C-alpha atoms as a PDB file:
ATOM      1  CA  MET A   1     237.842  15.883 -19.038  1.00  0.00           C
ATOM      2  CA  SER A   2     235.812  12.983 -17.735  1.00  0.00           C
ATOM      3  CA  SER A   3     238.270  11.266 -15.361  1.00  0.00           C
ATOM      4  CA  PHE A   4     236.980   9.685 -12.159  1.00  0.00           C
ATOM      5  CA  PRO A   5     238.891  11.969  -9.708  1.00  0.00           C
ATOM      6  CA  VAL A   6     237.377  15.093 -11.230  1.00  0.00           C
ATOM      7  CA  ARG A   7     233.865  13.629 -11.332  1.00  0.00           C
ATOM      8  CA  LEU A   8     234.290  12.588  -7.683  1.00  0.00           C
ATOM      9  CA  CYS A   9     235.387  16.046  -6.683  1.00  0.00           C
ATOM     10  CA  LEU A  10     232.571  17.782  -8.481  1.00  0.00           C
ATOM     11  CA  LEU A  11     230.155  15.565  -6.523  1.00  0.00           C
ATOM     12  CA  VAL A  12     231.960  16.408  -3.269  1.00  0.00           C
ATOM     13  CA  CYS A  13     231.662  20.134  -4.037  1.00  0.00           C
ATOM     14  CA  LEU A  14     227.956  19.710  -4.634  1.00  0.00           C
ATOM     15  CA  VAL A  15     227.508  17.931  -1.316  1.00  0.00           C
ATOM     16  CA  LEU A  16     229.841  20.227   0.638  1.00  0.00           C
ATOM     17  CA  PRO A  17     229.592  23.555  -1.187  1.00  0.00           C
ATOM     18  CA  SER A  18     231.122  25.421   1.755  1.00  0.00           C
ATOM     19  CA  ALA A  19     234.344  23.442   1.260  1.00  0.00           C
ATOM     20  CA  CYS A  20     234.653  24.510  -2.374  1.00  0.00           C
ATOM     21  CA  ALA A  21     233.405  28.112  -2.365  1.00  0.00           C
ATOM     22  CA  VAL A  22     234.213  30.171  -5.441  1.00  0.00           C
ATOM     23  CA  HIS A  23     234.217  33.921  -5.074  1.00  0.00           C
ATOM     24  CA  ALA A  24     234.274  36.230  -8.061  1.00  0.00           C
ATOM     25  CA  PRO A  25     237.491  38.308  -8.159  1.00  0.00           C
ATOM     26  CA  ALA A  26     237.316  42.065  -8.337  1.00  0.00           C
ATOM     27  CA  ALA A  27     237.034  43.207 -11.925  1.00  0.00           C
ATOM     28  CA  THR A  28     239.927  45.683 -11.592  1.00  0.00           C
ATOM     29  CA  ALA A  29     242.359  43.250  -9.989  1.00  0.00           C
ATOM     30  CA  PRO A  30     244.654  41.046 -12.079  1.00  0.00           C
ATOM     31  CA  ALA A  31     244.528  37.337 -11.429  1.00  0.00           C
ATOM     32  CA  ALA A  32     247.960  37.222  -9.819  1.00  0.00           C
ATOM     33  CA  THR A  33     246.839  39.559  -7.044  1.00  0.00           C
ATOM     34  CA  MET A  34     243.930  37.332  -6.042  1.00  0.00           C
ATOM     35  CA  VAL A  35     246.065  34.690  -4.343  1.00  0.00           C
ATOM     36  CA  PRO A  36     244.541  33.286  -1.132  1.00  0.00           C
ATOM     37  CA  ALA A  37     246.649  34.103   1.925  1.00  0.00           C
ATOM     38  CA  GLY A  38     246.872  33.410   5.617  1.00  0.00           C
ATOM     39  CA  PRO A  39     245.732  29.934   6.759  1.00  0.00           C
ATOM     40  CA  MET A  40     245.467  28.631   3.220  1.00  0.00           C
ATOM     41  CA  THR A  41     249.218  29.120   2.645  1.00  0.00           C
ATOM     42  CA  PRO A  42     251.184  25.962   3.567  1.00  0.00           C
ATOM     43  CA  GLN A  43     254.378  26.143   5.570  1.00  0.00           C
ATOM     44  CA  ALA A  44     257.547  25.750   3.545  1.00  0.00           C
ATOM     45  CA  GLY A  45     259.800  22.917   4.641  1.00  0.00           C
ATOM     46  CA  PRO A  46     261.424  19.627   3.649  1.00  0.00           C
ATOM     47  CA  SER A  47     259.403  16.714   2.219  1.00  0.00           C
ATOM     48  CA  GLN A  48     256.598  18.992   1.110  1.00  0.00           C
ATOM     49  CA  PRO A  49     255.924  20.398  -2.367  1.00  0.00           C
ATOM     50  CA  PRO A  50     257.337  23.952  -2.588  1.00  0.00           C
ATOM     51  CA  TRP A  51     254.772  26.715  -2.376  1.00  0.00           C
ATOM     52  CA  VAL A  52     253.896  28.618  -5.560  1.00  0.00           C
ATOM     53  CA  ALA A  53     251.380  31.439  -6.011  1.00  0.00           C
ATOM     54  CA  PRO A  54     248.093  29.659  -6.878  1.00  0.00           C
ATOM     55  CA  VAL A  55     247.171  31.959  -9.795  1.00  0.00           C
ATOM     56  CA  TYR A  56     244.842  29.372 -11.312  1.00  0.00           C
ATOM     57  CA  LEU A  57     242.907  29.283  -8.046  1.00  0.00           C
ATOM     58  CA  ALA A  58     242.368  33.029  -8.017  1.00  0.00           C
ATOM     59  CA  GLY A  59     239.081  33.888  -6.311  1.00  0.00           C
ATOM     60  CA  THR A  60     238.690  30.306  -5.043  1.00  0.00           C
ATOM     61  CA  ARG A  61     238.890  29.069  -1.496  1.00  0.00           C
ATOM     62  CA  ILE A  62     238.880  25.336  -0.843  1.00  0.00           C
ATOM     63  CA  ASP A  63     238.510  24.561   2.842  1.00  0.00           C
ATOM     64  CA  ALA A  64     240.492  21.316   3.056  1.00  0.00           C
ATOM     65  CA  ILE A  65     239.792  20.991   6.770  1.00  0.00           C
ATOM     66  CA  ALA A  66     236.010  20.848   6.143  1.00  0.00           C
ATOM     67  CA  LEU A  67     236.427  18.756   2.985  1.00  0.00           C
ATOM     68  CA  LEU A  68     238.667  16.058   4.403  1.00  0.00           C
ATOM     69  CA  GLY A  69     237.693  15.703   8.058  1.00  0.00           C
ATOM     70  CA  PRO A  70     240.157  14.353  10.684  1.00  0.00           C
ATOM     71  CA  PRO A  71     242.701  11.563  10.343  1.00  0.00           C
ATOM     72  CA  PRO A  72     242.184   8.372  12.382  1.00  0.00           C
ATOM     73  CA  PRO A  73     242.438   9.128  16.141  1.00  0.00           C
ATOM     74  CA  GLU A  74     245.699   8.169  17.801  1.00  0.00           C
ATOM     75  CA  GLY A  75     245.474   4.724  19.325  1.00  0.00           C
ATOM     76  CA  SER A  76     242.342   3.757  17.402  1.00  0.00           C
ATOM     77  CA  GLU A  77     241.892   0.592  15.370  1.00  0.00           C
ATOM     78  CA  ALA A  78     241.918   2.678  12.235  1.00  0.00           C
ATOM     79  CA  ALA A  79     245.231   4.249  13.227  1.00  0.00           C
ATOM     80  CA  GLY A  80     246.608   0.765  13.854  1.00  0.00           C
ATOM     81  CA  ARG A  81     245.550  -0.348  10.380  1.00  0.00           C
ATOM     82  CA  ASP A  82     247.175   2.795   8.982  1.00  0.00           C
ATOM     83  CA  LEU A  83     250.521   1.873  10.576  1.00  0.00           C
ATOM     84  CA  GLU A  84     250.239  -1.703   9.398  1.00  0.00           C
ATOM     85  CA  GLY A  85     249.649  -0.405   5.912  1.00  0.00           C
ATOM     86  CA  VAL A  86     252.928   1.499   5.988  1.00  0.00           C
ATOM     87  CA  LEU A  87     254.843  -1.495   7.306  1.00  0.00           C
ATOM     88  CA  ALA A  88     253.277  -3.754   4.661  1.00  0.00           C
ATOM     89  CA  ALA A  89     254.172  -1.309   1.889  1.00  0.00           C
ATOM     90  CA  GLN A  90     257.772  -1.115   3.085  1.00  0.00           C
ATOM     91  CA  LEU A  91     258.071  -4.904   3.234  1.00  0.00           C
ATOM     92  CA  ALA A  92     256.535  -5.320  -0.208  1.00  0.00           C
ATOM     93  CA  ALA A  93     258.926  -2.739  -1.678  1.00  0.00           C
ATOM     94  CA  ARG A  94     261.928  -4.517  -0.204  1.00  0.00           C
ATOM     95  CA  GLN A  95     260.773  -7.827  -1.618  1.00  0.00           C
ATOM     96  CA  ALA A  96     259.940  -6.345  -5.060  1.00  0.00           C
ATOM     97  CA  GLY A  97     263.065  -4.196  -5.293  1.00  0.00           C
ATOM     98  CA  THR A  98     261.095  -0.972  -5.777  1.00  0.00           C
ATOM     99  CA  ARG A  99     262.616   1.127  -2.994  1.00  0.00           C
ATOM    100  CA  ALA A 100     264.915   3.012  -5.359  1.00  0.00           C
ATOM    101  CA  ARG A 101     261.959   4.199  -7.387  1.00  0.00           C
ATOM    102  CA  ALA A 102     260.108   5.270  -4.243  1.00  0.00           C
ATOM    103  CA  ILE A 103     263.106   7.253  -3.066  1.00  0.00           C
ATOM    104  CA  ALA A 104     263.355   8.983  -6.484  1.00  0.00           C
ATOM    105  CA  ASP A 105     259.641   9.803  -6.258  1.00  0.00           C
ATOM    106  CA  ALA A 106     260.446  12.263  -3.486  1.00  0.00           C
ATOM    107  CA  ASP A 107     261.244  14.619  -6.381  1.00  0.00           C
ATOM    108  CA  VAL A 108     258.324  17.017  -6.753  1.00  0.00           C
ATOM    109  CA  SER A 109     258.135  17.163 -10.526  1.00  0.00           C
ATOM    110  CA  CYS A 110     255.737  15.859 -13.136  1.00  0.00           C
ATOM    111  CA  THR A 111     258.808  14.566 -15.016  1.00  0.00           C
ATOM    112  CA  ARG A 112     258.410  11.580 -12.697  1.00  0.00           C
ATOM    113  CA  PHE A 113     255.386  10.743 -14.839  1.00  0.00           C
ATOM    114  CA  ALA A 114     257.317  10.643 -18.117  1.00  0.00           C
ATOM    115  CA  ASP A 115     257.453   6.857 -18.051  1.00  0.00           C
ATOM    116  CA  ALA A 116     253.669   6.793 -18.365  1.00  0.00           C
ATOM    117  CA  LEU A 117     253.882   8.866 -21.563  1.00  0.00           C
ATOM    118  CA  GLY A 118     256.550   6.813 -23.357  1.00  0.00           C
ATOM    119  CA  ASP A 119     260.224   7.140 -24.163  1.00  0.00           C
ATOM    120  CA  ALA A 120     259.778  10.346 -26.153  1.00  0.00           C
ATOM    121  CA  ALA A 121     258.574  12.137 -23.000  1.00  0.00           C
ATOM    122  CA  GLY A 122     262.248  12.715 -22.167  1.00  0.00           C
ATOM    123  CA  SER A 123     262.778  14.792 -25.321  1.00  0.00           C
ATOM    124  CA  ALA A 124     263.252  18.548 -25.296  1.00  0.00           C
ATOM    125  CA  GLY A 125     259.927  19.057 -27.029  1.00  0.00           C
ATOM    126  CA  ALA A 126     258.020  17.463 -24.154  1.00  0.00           C
ATOM    127  CA  GLN A 127     259.599  19.573 -21.411  1.00  0.00           C
ATOM    128  CA  PRO A 128     257.389  22.702 -21.672  1.00  0.00           C
ATOM    129  CA  ALA A 129     254.261  20.554 -21.120  1.00  0.00           C
ATOM    130  CA  LEU A 130     255.823  18.719 -18.179  1.00  0.00           C
ATOM    131  CA  GLN A 131     256.804  22.086 -16.665  1.00  0.00           C
ATOM    132  CA  PHE A 132     253.254  23.397 -17.190  1.00  0.00           C
ATOM    133  CA  ALA A 133     251.854  20.314 -15.482  1.00  0.00           C
ATOM    134  CA  THR A 134     254.328  20.719 -12.618  1.00  0.00           C
ATOM    135  CA  THR A 135     253.432  24.398 -12.097  1.00  0.00           C
ATOM    136  CA  THR A 136     249.714  23.603 -12.140  1.00  0.00           C
ATOM    137  CA  ALA A 137     250.129  20.639  -9.751  1.00  0.00           C
ATOM    138  CA  LEU A 138     252.135  22.803  -7.318  1.00  0.00           C
ATOM    139  CA  GLN A 139     249.295  25.331  -7.368  1.00  0.00           C
ATOM    140  CA  ALA A 140     246.765  22.569  -6.651  1.00  0.00           C
ATOM    141  CA  SER A 141     248.902  21.342  -3.746  1.00  0.00           C
ATOM    142  CA  THR A 142     248.668  24.665  -1.924  1.00  0.00           C
ATOM    143  CA  VAL A 143     245.148  23.835  -0.756  1.00  0.00           C
ATOM    144  CA  ILE A 144     246.377  21.305   1.827  1.00  0.00           C
ATOM    145  CA  GLY A 145     248.514  23.652   3.915  1.00  0.00           C
ATOM    146  CA  ALA A 146     245.829  24.647   6.377  1.00  0.00           C
ATOM    147  CA  ALA A 147     244.825  21.041   6.980  1.00  0.00           C
ATOM    148  CA  LYS A 148     248.419  19.967   7.599  1.00  0.00           C
ATOM    149  CA  ALA A 149     248.864  22.681  10.208  1.00  0.00           C
ATOM    150  CA  TYR A 150     245.459  22.095  11.766  1.00  0.00           C
ATOM    151  CA  TRP A 151     245.686  18.327  12.256  1.00  0.00           C
ATOM    152  CA  HIS A 152     249.435  18.365  13.103  1.00  0.00           C
ATOM    153  CA  ARG A 153     249.622  14.614  12.625  1.00  0.00           C
ATOM    154  CA  PRO A 154     252.970  12.959  13.369  1.00  0.00           C
ATOM    155  CA  ARG A 155     254.557  11.019  10.529  1.00  0.00           C
ATOM    156  CA  PRO A 156     254.738   7.218  10.686  1.00  0.00           C
ATOM    157  CA  PHE A 157     258.365   7.110  11.820  1.00  0.00           C
ATOM    158  CA  LEU A 158     257.407   9.095  14.937  1.00  0.00           C
ATOM    159  CA  VAL A 159     254.582   6.653  15.716  1.00  0.00           C
ATOM    160  CA  SER A 160     256.673   3.490  15.453  1.00  0.00           C
ATOM    161  CA  ASP A 161     260.401   2.791  15.313  1.00  0.00           C
ATOM    162  CA  ARG A 162     259.577  -0.161  13.075  1.00  0.00           C
ATOM    163  CA  VAL A 163     259.053   2.292  10.244  1.00  0.00           C
ATOM    164  CA  GLU A 164     262.139   2.789   8.084  1.00  0.00           C
ATOM    165  CA  ARG A 165     262.991   6.372   7.113  1.00  0.00           C
ATOM    166  CA  LEU A 166     264.152   6.914   3.564  1.00  0.00           C
ATOM    167  CA  ALA A 167     264.574   9.669   0.985  1.00  0.00           C
ATOM    168  CA  ASP A 168     263.736  13.198   2.197  1.00  0.00           C
ATOM    169  CA  VAL A 169     262.635  11.935   5.659  1.00  0.00           C
ATOM    170  CA  ALA A 170     265.768   9.855   6.272  1.00  0.00           C
ATOM    171  CA  PRO A 171     267.710  10.758   9.443  1.00  0.00           C
ATOM    172  CA  GLY A 172     269.934  13.739   8.689  1.00  0.00           C
ATOM    173  CA  ALA A 173     268.234  14.545   5.376  1.00  0.00           C
ATOM    174  CA  ALA A 174     267.430  18.016   6.686  1.00  0.00           C
ATOM    175  CA  PRO A 175     269.041  20.080   9.477  1.00  0.00           C
ATOM    176  CA  ASP A 176     267.275  20.494  12.806  1.00  0.00           C
ATOM    177  CA  SER A 177     265.020  23.535  12.734  1.00  0.00           C
ATOM    178  CA  PRO A 178     261.461  24.643  13.462  1.00  0.00           C
ATOM    179  CA  ALA A 179     260.711  23.749   9.825  1.00  0.00           C
ATOM    180  CA  LEU A 180     261.896  20.209  10.508  1.00  0.00           C
ATOM    181  CA  ASP A 181     259.576  19.841  13.486  1.00  0.00           C
ATOM    182  CA  ALA A 182     256.698  21.157  11.351  1.00  0.00           C
ATOM    183  CA  ARG A 183     257.541  18.637   8.685  1.00  0.00           C
ATOM    184  CA  ASP A 184     257.548  15.762  11.133  1.00  0.00           C
ATOM    185  CA  HIS A 185     254.062  16.749  12.311  1.00  0.00           C
ATOM    186  CA  SER A 186     252.449  17.402   8.926  1.00  0.00           C
ATOM    187  CA  SER A 187     251.597  13.900   7.802  1.00  0.00           C
ATOM    188  CA  TYR A 188     247.924  14.511   7.017  1.00  0.00           C
ATOM    189  CA  PRO A 189     247.107  15.084   4.204  1.00  0.00           C
ATOM    190  CA  SER A 190     249.934  14.088   1.842  1.00  0.00           C
ATOM    191  CA  GLY A 191     251.287  16.885  -0.317  1.00  0.00           C
ATOM    192  CA  HIS A 192     253.026  14.473  -2.646  1.00  0.00           C
ATOM    193  CA  ALA A 193     249.785  12.528  -3.180  1.00  0.00           C
ATOM    194  CA  ALA A 194     247.959  15.767  -3.981  1.00  0.00           C
ATOM    195  CA  PHE A 195     250.710  16.812  -6.361  1.00  0.00           C
ATOM    196  CA  GLY A 196     250.812  13.456  -8.102  1.00  0.00           C
ATOM    197  CA  LEU A 197     247.111  13.291  -8.795  1.00  0.00           C
ATOM    198  CA  ALA A 198     247.138  16.842 -10.099  1.00  0.00           C
ATOM    199  CA  CYS A 199     249.988  15.898 -12.462  1.00  0.00           C
ATOM    200  CA  ALA A 200     247.959  13.014 -13.821  1.00  0.00           C
ATOM    201  CA  ILE A 201     244.837  15.102 -14.294  1.00  0.00           C
ATOM    202  CA  VAL A 202     246.722  17.757 -16.311  1.00  0.00           C
ATOM    203  CA  LEU A 203     248.725  15.293 -18.379  1.00  0.00           C
ATOM    204  CA  ALA A 204     245.671  13.143 -19.106  1.00  0.00           C
ATOM    205  CA  GLN A 205     244.017  16.162 -20.743  1.00  0.00           C
ATOM    206  CA  LEU A 206     247.068  16.618 -22.967  1.00  0.00           C
ATOM    207  CA  VAL A 207     247.450  12.921 -23.815  1.00  0.00           C
ATOM    208  CA  PRO A 208     244.137  11.191 -23.089  1.00  0.00           C
ATOM    209  CA  GLU A 209     245.424   8.052 -24.795  1.00  0.00           C
ATOM    210  CA  GLN A 210     247.636   7.490 -21.731  1.00  0.00           C
ATOM    211  CA  ARG A 211     244.968   8.317 -19.132  1.00  0.00           C
ATOM    212  CA  THR A 212     244.974   4.836 -17.549  1.00  0.00           C
ATOM    213  CA  ALA A 213     248.757   4.722 -17.275  1.00  0.00           C
ATOM    214  CA  LEU A 214     248.936   8.247 -15.885  1.00  0.00           C
ATOM    215  CA  PHE A 215     246.424   7.626 -13.090  1.00  0.00           C
ATOM    216  CA  ALA A 216     248.172   4.327 -12.266  1.00  0.00           C
ATOM    217  CA  ARG A 217     251.421   6.255 -12.023  1.00  0.00           C
ATOM    218  CA  ALA A 218     249.757   8.843  -9.739  1.00  0.00           C
ATOM    219  CA  ARG A 219     248.767   5.999  -7.425  1.00  0.00           C
ATOM    220  CA  SER A 220     252.279   4.525  -7.352  1.00  0.00           C
ATOM    221  CA  TYR A 221     253.847   7.970  -6.923  1.00  0.00           C
ATOM    222  CA  ALA A 222     251.633   8.529  -3.854  1.00  0.00           C
ATOM    223  CA  GLU A 223     252.269   5.033  -2.462  1.00  0.00           C
ATOM    224  CA  SER A 224     255.997   5.781  -2.634  1.00  0.00           C
ATOM    225  CA  ARG A 225     255.423   8.055   0.357  1.00  0.00           C
ATOM    226  CA  GLU A 226     254.390   5.039   2.402  1.00  0.00           C
ATOM    227  CA  ILE A 227     257.457   3.116   1.236  1.00  0.00           C
ATOM    228  CA  VAL A 228     259.813   5.887   2.426  1.00  0.00           C
ATOM    229  CA  GLY A 229     257.986   6.195   5.746  1.00  0.00           C
ATOM    230  CA  ALA A 230     256.634   9.689   5.150  1.00  0.00           C
ATOM    231  CA  HIS A 231     252.881   9.023   5.114  1.00  0.00           C
ATOM    232  CA  PHE A 232     250.072   6.742   6.202  1.00  0.00           C
ATOM    233  CA  PRO A 233     247.535   5.363   3.694  1.00  0.00           C
ATOM    234  CA  SER A 234     244.870   7.736   5.005  1.00  0.00           C
ATOM    235  CA  ASP A 235     247.194  10.689   4.381  1.00  0.00           C
ATOM    236  CA  ILE A 236     247.480   9.545   0.775  1.00  0.00           C
ATOM    237  CA  GLU A 237     243.753   9.312   0.206  1.00  0.00           C
ATOM    238  CA  ALA A 238     243.143  12.705   1.822  1.00  0.00           C
ATOM    239  CA  GLY A 239     245.805  14.334  -0.363  1.00  0.00           C
ATOM    240  CA  ARG A 240     244.252  12.852  -3.498  1.00  0.00           C
ATOM    241  CA  LEU A 241     240.787  14.089  -2.573  1.00  0.00           C
ATOM    242  CA  ALA A 242     242.121  17.594  -1.893  1.00  0.00           C
ATOM    243  CA  ALA A 243     243.867  17.596  -5.263  1.00  0.00           C
ATOM    244  CA  ALA A 244     240.680  16.505  -7.040  1.00  0.00           C
ATOM    245  CA  ALA A 245     238.878  19.452  -5.443  1.00  0.00           C
ATOM    246  CA  ALA A 246     241.641  21.874  -6.392  1.00  0.00           C
ATOM    247  CA  MET A 247     241.815  20.638  -9.956  1.00  0.00           C
ATOM    248  CA  ALA A 248     238.029  20.851 -10.421  1.00  0.00           C
ATOM    249  CA  ALA A 249     238.365  24.550  -9.509  1.00  0.00           C
ATOM    250  CA  ILE A 250     241.506  25.111 -11.598  1.00  0.00           C
ATOM    251  CA  GLN A 251     239.767  23.754 -14.687  1.00  0.00           C
ATOM    252  CA  GLN A 252     237.282  26.612 -14.438  1.00  0.00           C
ATOM    253  CA  ASN A 253     240.084  29.142 -14.802  1.00  0.00           C
ATOM    254  CA  PRO A 254     240.235  30.635 -18.318  1.00  0.00           C
ATOM    255  CA  GLY A 255     244.003  31.195 -18.084  1.00  0.00           C
ATOM    256  CA  PHE A 256     244.586  27.526 -17.341  1.00  0.00           C
ATOM    257  CA  GLN A 257     242.337  26.448 -20.203  1.00  0.00           C
ATOM    258  CA  GLN A 258     244.115  28.748 -22.650  1.00  0.00           C
ATOM    259  CA  GLU A 259     247.559  27.477 -21.650  1.00  0.00           C
ATOM    260  CA  LEU A 260     246.312  23.926 -21.867  1.00  0.00           C
ATOM    261  CA  LEU A 261     245.238  24.483 -25.449  1.00  0.00           C
ATOM    262  CA  GLU A 262     248.540  26.151 -26.356  1.00  0.00           C
ATOM    263  CA  ILE A 263     250.810  23.547 -24.752  1.00  0.00           C
ATOM    264  CA  ARG A 264     249.010  20.425 -26.043  1.00  0.00           C
ATOM    265  CA  PRO A 265     250.143  20.416 -29.716  1.00  0.00           C
ATOM    266  CA  GLY A 266     253.857  20.616 -28.840  1.00  0.00           C
ATOM    267  CA  LEU A 267     253.673  17.691 -26.443  1.00  0.00           C
ATOM    268  CA  ARG A 268     251.710  15.581 -28.874  1.00  0.00           C
ATOM    269  CA  ARG A 269     254.248  16.295 -31.636  1.00  0.00           C
ATOM    270  CA  ALA A 270     257.090  15.368 -29.300  1.00  0.00           C
ATOM    271  CA  LEU A 271     255.388  12.077 -28.499  1.00  0.00           C
ATOM    272  CA  GLY A 272     254.689  11.312 -32.149  1.00  0.00           C
ATOM    273  CA  LEU A 273     250.932  11.580 -31.678  1.00  0.00           C
ATOM    274  CA  ALA A 274     248.362  13.012 -34.086  1.00  0.00           C
ATOM    275  CA  PRO A 275     246.638  16.278 -33.117  1.00  0.00           C
ATOM    276  CA  MET A 276     243.550  15.785 -30.997  1.00  0.00           C
ATOM    277  CA  PRO A 277     240.226  16.128 -32.854  1.00  0.00           C
ATOM    278  CA  ARG A 278     238.885  19.657 -32.502  1.00  0.00           C
ATOM    279  CA  ALA A 279     235.803  18.468 -30.590  1.00  0.00           C
ATOM    280  CA  LEU A 280     238.035  16.817 -27.943  1.00  0.00           C
ATOM    281  CA  ALA A 281     240.581  19.657 -27.763  1.00  0.00           C
ATOM    282  CA  THR A 282     238.148  22.422 -26.745  1.00  0.00           C
ATOM    283  CA  PRO A 283     238.074  23.692 -23.124  1.00  0.00           C
ATOM    284  CA  SER A 284     234.469  22.618 -22.744  1.00  0.00           C
ATOM    285  CA  ALA A 285     235.367  19.026 -23.519  1.00  0.00           C
ATOM    286  CA  ASP A 286     238.285  19.134 -21.063  1.00  0.00           C
ATOM    287  CA  THR A 287     236.154  20.196 -18.137  1.00  0.00           C
ATOM    288  CA  ARG A 288     233.042  18.083 -18.532  1.00  0.00           C
END
């Protein structure tokens, strides 16, 4: 695939190779046993994509802390602009009547991208591909866990009472618990933004005709997190960069490439699209 996010990430990994180190797995160990553990495993909790075993990232360690760098310092001009960005997004959503969509975007599923694929994306034949994209995107999202815990950034609604809390961060949306406190201090980077970009990257390889619409939807899906008061703009950009790094690594995984080839024809049939030309449907074309 030749999308901008993947090209950007490949460049980042060339410039910061220590942030995207790939280690060959032991020949006798199956892929599922090569899951990174410890600090790379995000904390489970509300308003964060659920953790799944990152099988497609087997043998790969992406150091999101080194890759992303810190969020804007508290009290800085940059932090002030971040807060104003949230408030502006919330005001714009109220005026445009898009809050309901933003609230629905709290759902961590690539089915939220069906509108970018057309009406037929809701059919039964499209569901296996959407589930494949969701599983892959959840794996990609695991790379941000260490950075969330390390930076421990408070969410916008803790920084200013002018920020409205909606969806999964609304008051009372989750019971008080240590997980809730961890959620409230895990703003940077955004897991939903990482998940959304990963969805778009996978689906764009299945239906490249809709690449532009899919990446636009990934942007609006991420910006929904500002509208509900869950994230700052810098959280969004950091999450997207982390996802690009993760997806660049995932696309090197033979298992992912094989499943991609197997799932594509069914989705394209469900959408009423012709099969992709063989030259475009090969794994080598998808990863370039």
